[in-house]
Amino acid sequence: MRPTASQRGFSFLEAVLAAAMLGIIASAVLAAIGTVWRWELTDRQRLGAAEVANRVMIAYIDDKTSLRDLPDTIIYDGARYRWSSNIERVSIRDEHPEERNDGAGTVVTIDVFDRMQAVTITAWVDDGSRAALSPGRTPTASVDRLINPLDFVSSDATERMLQDPEQLELLLRELVGADLQNPSAGSDSGDHDGRNRR
């Protein structure tokens, strides 16, 4: 008795086609999982870079001379990060000086507006490649902050500053409006990691 269509098994060709389809589906699923995993890793490393940049920023705010003592690379959450700094003096222009007239026709100026610093700390993953020697090729994050150098963060920071002749010198330079560049610290803009310390 010949088997009917409903009783017939798979032919060899059908089995090969089914296996091929299953392989294609499995490879597509694995590729999607791999892509999602890489995105998640990149996001985690970018968050790590932001945390490193934030910690370097806090160190700078706490002690203006601390950047040169930090290592070139910082380990955080199992990854190695490089960092760089950029510090520039900025001026804040008063668009309505007449509102600060002292009543005698003299415009009152606020000197602190000319002493503000725009500080940018950039951190990025150092994966060991040559591309990782500068930011942008690996997961990167930057933290920007406008800082008043005459604003003392805490009593501890003030006490440390009063005990450190170099920090006192920097404070006096800020008070008299001298250039930000500290001759004893130098500028390392040519360093392999692109750091510009001031």
N, C-alpha and C. Protein backbone atom coordinates (compact mmCIF):
# COMPACT_ATOMS: atom_id res chain seq x y z
N MET A 1 0.86 -1.19 0.00
CA MET A 1 0.00 0.00 0.00
C MET A 1 0.89 1.24 0.00
N ARG A 2 0.66 2.19 -0.91
CA ARG A 2 1.44 3.41 -1.03
C ARG A 2 1.03 4.41 0.05
N PRO A 3 2.03 5.11 0.72
CA PRO A 3 1.66 6.09 1.73
C PRO A 3 0.99 7.31 1.10
N THR A 4 0.02 7.85 1.83
CA THR A 4 -0.66 9.06 1.36
C THR A 4 0.23 10.27 1.63
N ALA A 5 -0.19 11.46 1.12
CA ALA A 5 0.60 12.69 1.29
C ALA A 5 0.75 13.04 2.76
N SER A 6 -0.32 12.73 3.58
CA SER A 6 -0.26 13.09 4.99
C SER A 6 0.65 12.15 5.77
N GLN A 7 0.94 10.96 5.24
CA GLN A 7 1.79 10.00 5.94
C GLN A 7 3.25 10.07 5.48
N ARG A 8 3.52 10.79 4.39
CA ARG A 8 4.86 10.83 3.82
C ARG A 8 5.80 11.62 4.72
N GLY A 9 7.07 11.20 4.95
CA GLY A 9 8.07 11.91 5.76
C GLY A 9 8.78 12.97 4.93
N PHE A 10 9.76 13.64 5.57
CA PHE A 10 10.55 14.67 4.88
C PHE A 10 11.49 14.02 3.88
N SER A 11 11.60 14.66 2.74
CA SER A 11 12.62 14.21 1.80
C SER A 11 13.97 14.79 2.23
N PHE A 12 15.05 14.32 1.69
CA PHE A 12 16.38 14.81 2.03
C PHE A 12 16.52 16.30 1.70
N LEU A 13 15.98 16.73 0.57
CA LEU A 13 16.06 18.13 0.15
C LEU A 13 15.31 19.03 1.13
N GLU A 14 14.13 18.57 1.58
CA GLU A 14 13.36 19.36 2.54
C GLU A 14 14.10 19.48 3.87
N ALA A 15 14.75 18.41 4.29
CA ALA A 15 15.51 18.44 5.55
C ALA A 15 16.68 19.42 5.44
N VAL A 16 17.37 19.42 4.29
CA VAL A 16 18.49 20.35 4.09
C VAL A 16 18.00 21.79 4.10
N LEU A 17 16.88 22.05 3.40
CA LEU A 17 16.33 23.40 3.37
C LEU A 17 15.91 23.86 4.76
N ALA A 18 15.28 22.98 5.55
CA ALA A 18 14.86 23.32 6.91
C ALA A 18 16.08 23.65 7.78
N ALA A 19 17.14 22.85 7.64
CA ALA A 19 18.35 23.10 8.42
C ALA A 19 18.99 24.43 8.02
N ALA A 20 18.97 24.73 6.72
CA ALA A 20 19.54 25.99 6.25
C ALA A 20 18.76 27.18 6.78
N MET A 21 17.41 27.06 6.74
CA MET A 21 16.55 28.13 7.27
C MET A 21 16.80 28.33 8.76
N LEU A 22 16.92 27.23 9.50
CA LEU A 22 17.17 27.31 10.93
C LEU A 22 18.52 27.98 11.20
N GLY A 23 19.53 27.67 10.40
CA GLY A 23 20.85 28.29 10.55
C GLY A 23 20.82 29.79 10.29
N ILE A 24 20.07 30.18 9.25
CA ILE A 24 19.95 31.61 8.92
C ILE A 24 19.28 32.36 10.05
N ILE A 25 18.19 31.78 10.58
CA ILE A 25 17.46 32.43 11.67
C ILE A 25 18.35 32.53 12.91
N ALA A 26 19.07 31.44 13.23
CA ALA A 26 19.94 31.44 14.41
C ALA A 26 21.05 32.48 14.27
N SER A 27 21.66 32.57 13.08
CA SER A 27 22.74 33.54 12.89
C SER A 27 22.22 34.97 12.98
N ALA A 28 20.99 35.22 12.47
CA ALA A 28 20.41 36.56 12.57
C ALA A 28 20.14 36.93 14.02
N VAL A 29 19.63 35.97 14.80
CA VAL A 29 19.35 36.23 16.21
C VAL A 29 20.66 36.50 16.97
N LEU A 30 21.69 35.68 16.71
CA LEU A 30 22.97 35.87 17.39
C LEU A 30 23.62 37.21 17.01
N ALA A 31 23.49 37.60 15.73
CA ALA A 31 24.03 38.89 15.30
C ALA A 31 23.33 40.04 16.02
N ALA A 32 21.99 39.92 16.15
CA ALA A 32 21.23 40.96 16.85
C ALA A 32 21.64 41.04 18.31
N ILE A 33 21.82 39.88 18.95
CA ILE A 33 22.24 39.86 20.35
C ILE A 33 23.63 40.47 20.51
N GLY A 34 24.54 40.14 19.56
CA GLY A 34 25.89 40.70 19.60
C GLY A 34 25.89 42.21 19.44
N THR A 35 25.03 42.72 18.55
CA THR A 35 24.93 44.16 18.34
C THR A 35 24.42 44.86 19.59
N VAL A 36 23.37 44.30 20.18
CA VAL A 36 22.81 44.88 21.42
C VAL A 36 23.86 44.87 22.52
N TRP A 37 24.63 43.77 22.62
CA TRP A 37 25.66 43.68 23.65
C TRP A 37 26.74 44.74 23.42
N ARG A 38 27.16 44.96 22.17
CA ARG A 38 28.17 45.99 21.87
C ARG A 38 27.65 47.38 22.20
N TRP A 39 26.37 47.65 21.88
CA TRP A 39 25.78 48.94 22.22
C TRP A 39 25.78 49.15 23.73
N GLU A 40 25.42 48.11 24.46
CA GLU A 40 25.37 48.20 25.91
C GLU A 40 26.76 48.45 26.49
N LEU A 41 27.78 47.77 25.94
CA LEU A 41 29.15 47.96 26.39
C LEU A 41 29.63 49.38 26.10
N THR A 42 29.31 49.88 24.91
CA THR A 42 29.70 51.24 24.54
C THR A 42 29.05 52.25 25.47
N ASP A 43 27.75 52.07 25.74
CA ASP A 43 27.05 52.98 26.65
C ASP A 43 27.66 52.93 28.04
N ARG A 44 27.99 51.73 28.52
CA ARG A 44 28.58 51.60 29.84
C ARG A 44 29.95 52.27 29.89
N GLN A 45 30.75 52.11 28.83
CA GLN A 45 32.06 52.75 28.79
C GLN A 45 31.94 54.27 28.69
N ARG A 46 30.94 54.75 27.95
CA ARG A 46 30.74 56.19 27.85
C ARG A 46 30.33 56.77 29.21
N LEU A 47 29.48 56.05 29.94
CA LEU A 47 29.11 56.48 31.29
C LEU A 47 30.33 56.46 32.21
N GLY A 48 31.18 55.43 32.04
CA GLY A 48 32.42 55.37 32.82
C GLY A 48 33.32 56.55 32.51
N ALA A 49 33.42 56.92 31.23
CA ALA A 49 34.23 58.08 30.84
C ALA A 49 33.67 59.36 31.47
N ALA A 50 32.35 59.49 31.51
CA ALA A 50 31.73 60.66 32.14
C ALA A 50 32.05 60.71 33.63
N GLU A 51 32.02 59.55 34.29
CA GLU A 51 32.34 59.49 35.72
C GLU A 51 33.79 59.86 35.97
N VAL A 52 34.71 59.35 35.14
CA VAL A 52 36.13 59.70 35.29
C VAL A 52 36.33 61.20 35.08
N ALA A 53 35.72 61.75 34.03
CA ALA A 53 35.84 63.20 33.76
C ALA A 53 35.29 64.00 34.94
N ASN A 54 34.18 63.56 35.51
CA ASN A 54 33.59 64.27 36.64
C ASN A 54 34.51 64.23 37.85
N ARG A 55 35.14 63.07 38.10
CA ARG A 55 36.05 62.96 39.25
C ARG A 55 37.28 63.84 39.07
N VAL A 56 37.81 63.91 37.84
CA VAL A 56 38.95 64.79 37.59
C VAL A 56 38.53 66.25 37.79
N MET A 57 37.33 66.61 37.35
CA MET A 57 36.82 67.96 37.53
C MET A 57 36.73 68.30 39.02
N ILE A 58 36.20 67.38 39.82
CA ILE A 58 36.09 67.61 41.25
C ILE A 58 37.47 67.79 41.88
N ALA A 59 38.43 66.98 41.43
CA ALA A 59 39.80 67.11 41.94
C ALA A 59 40.36 68.50 41.62
N TYR A 60 40.07 69.00 40.40
CA TYR A 60 40.56 70.32 40.01
C TYR A 60 39.90 71.42 40.84
N ILE A 61 38.60 71.31 41.03
CA ILE A 61 37.89 72.33 41.82
C ILE A 61 38.41 72.35 43.25
N ASP A 62 38.72 71.17 43.79
CA ASP A 62 39.19 71.07 45.17
C ASP A 62 40.63 71.57 45.31
N ASP A 63 41.46 71.34 44.30
CA ASP A 63 42.86 71.73 44.35
C ASP A 63 43.33 72.02 42.94
N LYS A 64 43.58 73.30 42.64
CA LYS A 64 43.92 73.71 41.28
C LYS A 64 45.23 73.10 40.78
N THR A 65 46.08 72.62 41.70
CA THR A 65 47.36 72.05 41.29
C THR A 65 47.31 70.54 41.16
N SER A 66 46.14 69.93 41.33
CA SER A 66 46.06 68.47 41.41
C SER A 66 46.18 67.77 40.06
N LEU A 67 45.88 68.43 38.96
CA LEU A 67 45.84 67.74 37.67
C LEU A 67 47.18 67.14 37.28
N ARG A 68 48.26 67.85 37.57
CA ARG A 68 49.56 67.32 37.15
C ARG A 68 49.98 66.10 37.97
N ASP A 69 49.35 65.89 39.14
CA ASP A 69 49.69 64.73 39.98
C ASP A 69 48.86 63.50 39.65
N LEU A 70 47.81 63.67 38.84
CA LEU A 70 46.98 62.53 38.48
C LEU A 70 47.69 61.67 37.43
N PRO A 71 47.47 60.35 37.45
CA PRO A 71 48.10 59.50 36.43
C PRO A 71 47.49 59.75 35.05
N ASP A 72 48.26 59.39 34.02
CA ASP A 72 47.77 59.56 32.64
C ASP A 72 46.54 58.71 32.36
N THR A 73 46.48 57.53 32.98
CA THR A 73 45.32 56.66 32.80
C THR A 73 44.72 56.33 34.16
N ILE A 74 43.40 56.20 34.17
CA ILE A 74 42.66 55.92 35.40
C ILE A 74 41.81 54.67 35.16
N ILE A 75 41.88 53.72 36.09
CA ILE A 75 41.08 52.50 36.00
C ILE A 75 39.74 52.76 36.67
N TYR A 76 38.66 52.46 35.95
CA TYR A 76 37.32 52.60 36.53
C TYR A 76 36.42 51.52 35.95
N ASP A 77 35.74 50.80 36.80
CA ASP A 77 34.77 49.77 36.39
C ASP A 77 35.38 48.77 35.41
N GLY A 78 36.62 48.38 35.68
CA GLY A 78 37.26 47.37 34.86
C GLY A 78 37.83 47.86 33.54
N ALA A 79 37.72 49.15 33.25
CA ALA A 79 38.25 49.69 31.99
C ALA A 79 39.30 50.75 32.30
N ARG A 80 40.19 50.98 31.35
CA ARG A 80 41.23 51.99 31.51
C ARG A 80 40.82 53.23 30.70
N TYR A 81 40.94 54.40 31.33
CA TYR A 81 40.54 55.66 30.69
C TYR A 81 41.70 56.64 30.68
N ARG A 82 41.85 57.33 29.55
CA ARG A 82 42.75 58.48 29.46
C ARG A 82 41.92 59.74 29.69
N TRP A 83 42.58 60.84 29.96
CA TRP A 83 41.84 62.10 30.17
C TRP A 83 42.71 63.28 29.72
N SER A 84 42.04 64.38 29.43
CA SER A 84 42.73 65.62 29.09
C SER A 84 41.95 66.78 29.68
N SER A 85 42.62 67.91 29.82
CA SER A 85 41.95 69.09 30.39
C SER A 85 42.20 70.29 29.49
N ASN A 86 41.26 71.21 29.52
CA ASN A 86 41.41 72.48 28.82
C ASN A 86 40.81 73.56 29.71
N ILE A 87 41.63 74.55 30.05
CA ILE A 87 41.20 75.61 30.97
C ILE A 87 41.43 76.94 30.28
N GLU A 88 40.36 77.71 30.15
CA GLU A 88 40.45 79.01 29.48
C GLU A 88 39.80 80.07 30.34
N ARG A 89 40.36 81.27 30.28
CA ARG A 89 39.73 82.40 30.95
C ARG A 89 38.59 82.92 30.09
N VAL A 90 37.48 83.23 30.72
CA VAL A 90 36.34 83.77 29.97
C VAL A 90 35.88 85.05 30.64
N SER A 91 35.27 85.91 29.85
CA SER A 91 34.68 87.14 30.35
C SER A 91 33.18 87.07 30.18
N ILE A 92 32.48 87.56 31.17
CA ILE A 92 31.03 87.63 31.08
C ILE A 92 30.67 89.10 30.89
N ARG A 93 30.02 89.39 29.77
CA ARG A 93 29.67 90.76 29.45
C ARG A 93 28.29 91.09 30.00
N ASP A 94 28.18 92.21 30.66
CA ASP A 94 26.90 92.67 31.19
C ASP A 94 26.15 93.40 30.07
N GLU A 95 25.03 92.84 29.66
CA GLU A 95 24.25 93.45 28.57
C GLU A 95 23.44 94.66 29.04
N HIS A 96 23.27 94.82 30.35
CA HIS A 96 22.47 95.94 30.88
C HIS A 96 23.21 96.61 32.04
N PRO A 97 24.35 97.26 31.75
CA PRO A 97 25.12 97.88 32.84
C PRO A 97 24.37 99.00 33.53
N GLU A 98 23.41 99.62 32.83
CA GLU A 98 22.67 100.73 33.45
C GLU A 98 21.87 100.28 34.67
N GLU A 99 21.58 98.99 34.74
CA GLU A 99 20.82 98.48 35.89
C GLU A 99 21.68 98.41 37.14
N ARG A 100 23.01 98.56 36.97
CA ARG A 100 23.90 98.51 38.13
C ARG A 100 24.56 99.87 38.34
N ASN A 101 23.84 100.93 38.05
CA ASN A 101 24.33 102.28 38.26
C ASN A 101 24.25 102.60 39.75
N ASP A 102 25.32 103.18 40.29
CA ASP A 102 25.36 103.44 41.74
C ASP A 102 24.57 104.67 42.15
N GLY A 103 23.87 105.29 41.22
CA GLY A 103 23.07 106.46 41.53
C GLY A 103 23.79 107.76 41.24
N ALA A 104 25.09 107.74 41.17
CA ALA A 104 25.88 108.95 40.91
C ALA A 104 26.35 108.97 39.46
N GLY A 105 25.77 108.10 38.63
CA GLY A 105 26.14 108.06 37.23
C GLY A 105 27.29 107.13 36.92
N THR A 106 27.83 106.47 37.94
CA THR A 106 28.94 105.53 37.74
C THR A 106 28.41 104.12 37.66
N VAL A 107 28.85 103.39 36.64
CA VAL A 107 28.43 102.00 36.50
C VAL A 107 29.31 101.13 37.38
N VAL A 108 28.68 100.36 38.25
CA VAL A 108 29.41 99.47 39.14
C VAL A 108 29.81 98.23 38.35
N THR A 109 31.08 97.88 38.37
CA THR A 109 31.54 96.69 37.65
C THR A 109 31.85 95.58 38.64
N ILE A 110 31.69 94.37 38.19
CA ILE A 110 31.99 93.21 39.02
C ILE A 110 33.21 92.53 38.43
N ASP A 111 34.35 92.67 39.11
CA ASP A 111 35.60 92.16 38.57
C ASP A 111 35.60 90.65 38.39
N VAL A 112 34.82 89.95 39.22
CA VAL A 112 34.85 88.49 39.14
C VAL A 112 34.41 88.00 37.76
N PHE A 113 33.66 88.83 37.03
CA PHE A 113 33.22 88.44 35.70
C PHE A 113 34.40 88.20 34.77
N ASP A 114 35.53 88.88 35.02
CA ASP A 114 36.70 88.73 34.16
C ASP A 114 37.65 87.65 34.66
N ARG A 115 37.29 86.97 35.73
CA ARG A 115 38.18 85.96 36.27
C ARG A 115 37.62 84.55 36.14
N MET A 116 36.51 84.41 35.50
CA MET A 116 35.89 83.09 35.39
C MET A 116 36.74 82.18 34.50
N GLN A 117 36.65 80.89 34.77
CA GLN A 117 37.37 79.90 33.99
C GLN A 117 36.38 78.93 33.37
N ALA A 118 36.56 78.65 32.08
CA ALA A 118 35.80 77.59 31.42
C ALA A 118 36.69 76.35 31.43
N VAL A 119 36.29 75.36 32.20
CA VAL A 119 37.10 74.14 32.37
C VAL A 119 36.40 72.99 31.66
N THR A 120 37.12 72.30 30.80
CA THR A 120 36.61 71.11 30.12
C THR A 120 37.53 69.94 30.43
N ILE A 121 36.95 68.87 30.97
CA ILE A 121 37.68 67.64 31.20
C ILE A 121 37.09 66.58 30.27
N THR A 122 37.92 65.95 29.48
CA THR A 122 37.50 64.91 28.55
C THR A 122 38.15 63.59 28.95
N ALA A 123 37.36 62.53 28.99
CA ALA A 123 37.89 61.19 29.30
C ALA A 123 37.44 60.23 28.22
N TRP A 124 38.29 59.25 27.91
CA TRP A 124 37.94 58.28 26.88
C TRP A 124 38.60 56.94 27.19
N VAL A 125 38.05 55.88 26.59
CA VAL A 125 38.55 54.53 26.84
C VAL A 125 39.90 54.34 26.17
N ASP A 126 40.83 53.77 26.93
CA ASP A 126 42.14 53.41 26.38
C ASP A 126 42.12 51.89 26.16
N ASP A 127 41.88 51.47 24.92
CA ASP A 127 41.81 50.04 24.62
C ASP A 127 43.16 49.47 24.17
N GLY A 128 44.22 50.27 24.29
CA GLY A 128 45.55 49.80 23.92
C GLY A 128 45.94 50.09 22.48
N SER A 129 45.02 50.60 21.69
CA SER A 129 45.32 50.89 20.29
C SER A 129 45.93 52.28 20.16
N ARG A 130 46.58 52.54 19.02
CA ARG A 130 47.13 53.88 18.78
C ARG A 130 46.02 54.92 18.68
N ALA A 131 44.86 54.52 18.18
CA ALA A 131 43.75 55.45 18.06
C ALA A 131 43.30 55.97 19.42
N ALA A 132 43.53 55.18 20.48
CA ALA A 132 43.06 55.56 21.81
C ALA A 132 43.98 56.59 22.48
N LEU A 133 45.04 57.01 21.79
CA LEU A 133 45.92 58.02 22.37
C LEU A 133 45.27 59.41 22.34
N SER A 134 44.23 59.58 21.54
CA SER A 134 43.52 60.85 21.51
C SER A 134 42.02 60.57 21.58
N PRO A 135 41.24 61.52 22.09
CA PRO A 135 39.80 61.27 22.28
C PRO A 135 39.03 61.21 20.96
N GLY A 136 37.89 60.54 21.01
CA GLY A 136 36.98 60.51 19.88
C GLY A 136 36.93 59.20 19.14
N ARG A 137 37.97 58.39 19.21
CA ARG A 137 37.99 57.12 18.48
C ARG A 137 37.39 55.99 19.30
N THR A 138 37.35 56.16 20.62
CA THR A 138 36.76 55.17 21.53
C THR A 138 35.67 55.90 22.33
N PRO A 139 34.83 55.18 23.09
CA PRO A 139 33.79 55.88 23.86
C PRO A 139 34.37 57.03 24.69
N THR A 140 33.79 58.21 24.50
CA THR A 140 34.34 59.45 25.06
C THR A 140 33.23 60.25 25.72
N ALA A 141 33.59 60.99 26.77
CA ALA A 141 32.65 61.91 27.42
C ALA A 141 33.41 63.13 27.91
N SER A 142 32.76 64.27 27.92
CA SER A 142 33.36 65.51 28.41
C SER A 142 32.46 66.13 29.46
N VAL A 143 33.09 66.79 30.42
CA VAL A 143 32.38 67.55 31.44
C VAL A 143 32.87 68.98 31.35
N ASP A 144 31.94 69.93 31.19
CA ASP A 144 32.27 71.35 31.10
C ASP A 144 31.73 72.06 32.34
N ARG A 145 32.52 73.01 32.81
CA ARG A 145 32.05 73.75 33.98
C ARG A 145 32.64 75.15 33.95
N LEU A 146 31.82 76.11 34.33
CA LEU A 146 32.27 77.49 34.49
C LEU A 146 32.59 77.67 35.96
N ILE A 147 33.85 78.06 36.26
CA ILE A 147 34.32 78.10 37.64
C ILE A 147 34.79 79.50 38.01
N ASN A 148 34.39 79.92 39.18
CA ASN A 148 34.94 81.13 39.76
C ASN A 148 36.13 80.72 40.63
N PRO A 149 37.36 81.02 40.22
CA PRO A 149 38.53 80.54 40.96
C PRO A 149 38.63 81.12 42.37
N LEU A 150 37.88 82.19 42.64
CA LEU A 150 37.91 82.79 43.97
C LEU A 150 36.82 82.24 44.88
N ASP A 151 36.07 81.29 44.37
CA ASP A 151 35.00 80.68 45.17
C ASP A 151 35.57 79.46 45.88
N PHE A 152 35.64 79.51 47.19
CA PHE A 152 36.23 78.43 47.96
C PHE A 152 35.17 77.37 48.22
N VAL A 153 35.45 76.15 47.81
CA VAL A 153 34.46 75.08 47.82
C VAL A 153 34.09 74.65 49.23
N SER A 154 35.09 74.47 50.09
CA SER A 154 34.82 73.99 51.44
C SER A 154 35.89 74.52 52.37
N SER A 155 35.63 74.39 53.68
CA SER A 155 36.62 74.85 54.66
C SER A 155 37.89 74.00 54.57
N ASP A 156 37.74 72.69 54.26
CA ASP A 156 38.90 71.83 54.11
C ASP A 156 39.79 72.29 52.96
N ALA A 157 39.14 72.59 51.82
CA ALA A 157 39.90 73.05 50.65
C ALA A 157 40.59 74.37 50.95
N THR A 158 39.91 75.26 51.67
CA THR A 158 40.50 76.55 52.03
C THR A 158 41.70 76.35 52.94
N GLU A 159 41.57 75.45 53.91
CA GLU A 159 42.67 75.19 54.83
C GLU A 159 43.88 74.61 54.10
N ARG A 160 43.63 73.67 53.17
CA ARG A 160 44.74 73.09 52.40
C ARG A 160 45.42 74.15 51.54
N MET A 161 44.60 75.06 50.97
CA MET A 161 45.16 76.10 50.13
C MET A 161 46.05 77.03 50.94
N LEU A 162 45.63 77.37 52.16
CA LEU A 162 46.42 78.28 52.99
C LEU A 162 47.73 77.65 53.44
N GLN A 163 47.80 76.33 53.44
CA GLN A 163 49.03 75.63 53.86
C GLN A 163 49.95 75.31 52.67
N ASP A 164 49.49 75.58 51.45
CA ASP A 164 50.27 75.25 50.27
C ASP A 164 50.73 76.54 49.58
N PRO A 165 52.03 76.84 49.60
CA PRO A 165 52.51 78.09 49.00
C PRO A 165 52.16 78.23 47.52
N GLU A 166 52.18 77.11 46.79
CA GLU A 166 51.87 77.19 45.36
C GLU A 166 50.41 77.58 45.13
N GLN A 167 49.51 77.00 45.93
CA GLN A 167 48.10 77.37 45.78
C GLN A 167 47.86 78.81 46.21
N LEU A 168 48.59 79.26 47.24
CA LEU A 168 48.47 80.67 47.65
C LEU A 168 48.93 81.59 46.53
N GLU A 169 50.02 81.21 45.85
CA GLU A 169 50.51 82.00 44.74
C GLU A 169 49.46 82.08 43.63
N LEU A 170 48.83 80.94 43.32
CA LEU A 170 47.78 80.94 42.30
C LEU A 170 46.63 81.85 42.70
N LEU A 171 46.24 81.82 43.98
CA LEU A 171 45.15 82.68 44.45
C LEU A 171 45.52 84.15 44.29
N LEU A 172 46.76 84.51 44.67
CA LEU A 172 47.19 85.90 44.54
C LEU A 172 47.21 86.33 43.07
N ARG A 173 47.63 85.42 42.19
CA ARG A 173 47.64 85.74 40.76
C ARG A 173 46.22 85.99 40.26
N GLU A 174 45.27 85.22 40.76
CA GLU A 174 43.87 85.44 40.38
C GLU A 174 43.37 86.78 40.92
N LEU A 175 43.74 87.10 42.15
CA LEU A 175 43.27 88.35 42.76
C LEU A 175 43.78 89.58 42.02
N VAL A 176 45.02 89.50 41.53
CA VAL A 176 45.56 90.66 40.81
C VAL A 176 45.30 90.58 39.31
N GLY A 177 44.65 89.50 38.86
CA GLY A 177 44.30 89.38 37.45
C GLY A 177 45.43 88.93 36.57
N ALA A 178 46.43 88.24 37.15
CA ALA A 178 47.55 87.74 36.34
C ALA A 178 47.08 86.61 35.47
N ASP A 179 47.92 86.25 34.49
CA ASP A 179 47.58 85.17 33.56
C ASP A 179 47.38 83.86 34.31
N LEU A 180 46.51 83.01 33.77
CA LEU A 180 46.21 81.73 34.41
C LEU A 180 47.40 80.80 34.44
N GLN A 181 48.27 80.90 33.47
CA GLN A 181 49.36 79.93 33.33
C GLN A 181 50.28 80.00 34.53
N ASN A 182 50.49 78.86 35.16
CA ASN A 182 51.39 78.77 36.30
C ASN A 182 52.75 78.32 35.80
N PRO A 183 53.78 79.17 35.91
CA PRO A 183 55.07 78.81 35.33
C PRO A 183 55.65 77.53 35.90
N SER A 184 55.38 77.26 37.18
CA SER A 184 55.96 76.06 37.77
C SER A 184 55.28 74.80 37.29
N ALA A 185 54.02 74.92 36.84
CA ALA A 185 53.30 73.74 36.36
C ALA A 185 53.56 73.50 34.89
N GLY A 186 53.67 74.58 34.12
CA GLY A 186 53.94 74.43 32.69
C GLY A 186 52.70 74.02 31.94
N SER A 187 52.83 73.93 30.62
CA SER A 187 51.74 73.50 29.76
C SER A 187 52.18 72.28 29.00
N ASP A 188 51.42 71.20 29.09
CA ASP A 188 51.80 69.94 28.47
C ASP A 188 50.93 69.63 27.27
N SER A 189 50.61 70.65 26.48
CA SER A 189 49.70 70.42 25.37
C SER A 189 50.27 69.47 24.33
N GLY A 190 51.59 69.22 24.38
CA GLY A 190 52.18 68.30 23.42
C GLY A 190 52.26 66.88 23.92
N ASP A 191 51.70 66.60 25.08
CA ASP A 191 51.76 65.24 25.63
C ASP A 191 51.06 64.25 24.72
N HIS A 192 51.41 62.97 24.88
CA HIS A 192 50.82 61.94 24.02
C HIS A 192 49.31 61.83 24.19
N ASP A 193 48.79 62.28 25.34
CA ASP A 193 47.34 62.17 25.53
C ASP A 193 46.64 63.50 25.28
N GLY A 194 47.35 64.47 24.76
CA GLY A 194 46.72 65.74 24.41
C GLY A 194 46.35 66.59 25.60
N ARG A 195 46.92 66.31 26.76
CA ARG A 195 46.54 67.04 27.97
C ARG A 195 47.05 68.46 27.91
N ASN A 196 46.25 69.39 28.38
CA ASN A 196 46.66 70.78 28.49
C ASN A 196 46.45 71.19 29.93
N ARG A 197 47.47 71.04 30.73
CA ARG A 197 47.34 71.33 32.15
C ARG A 197 47.72 72.76 32.40
N ARG A 198 46.99 73.38 33.30
CA ARG A 198 47.35 74.73 33.70
C ARG A 198 47.24 74.83 35.20
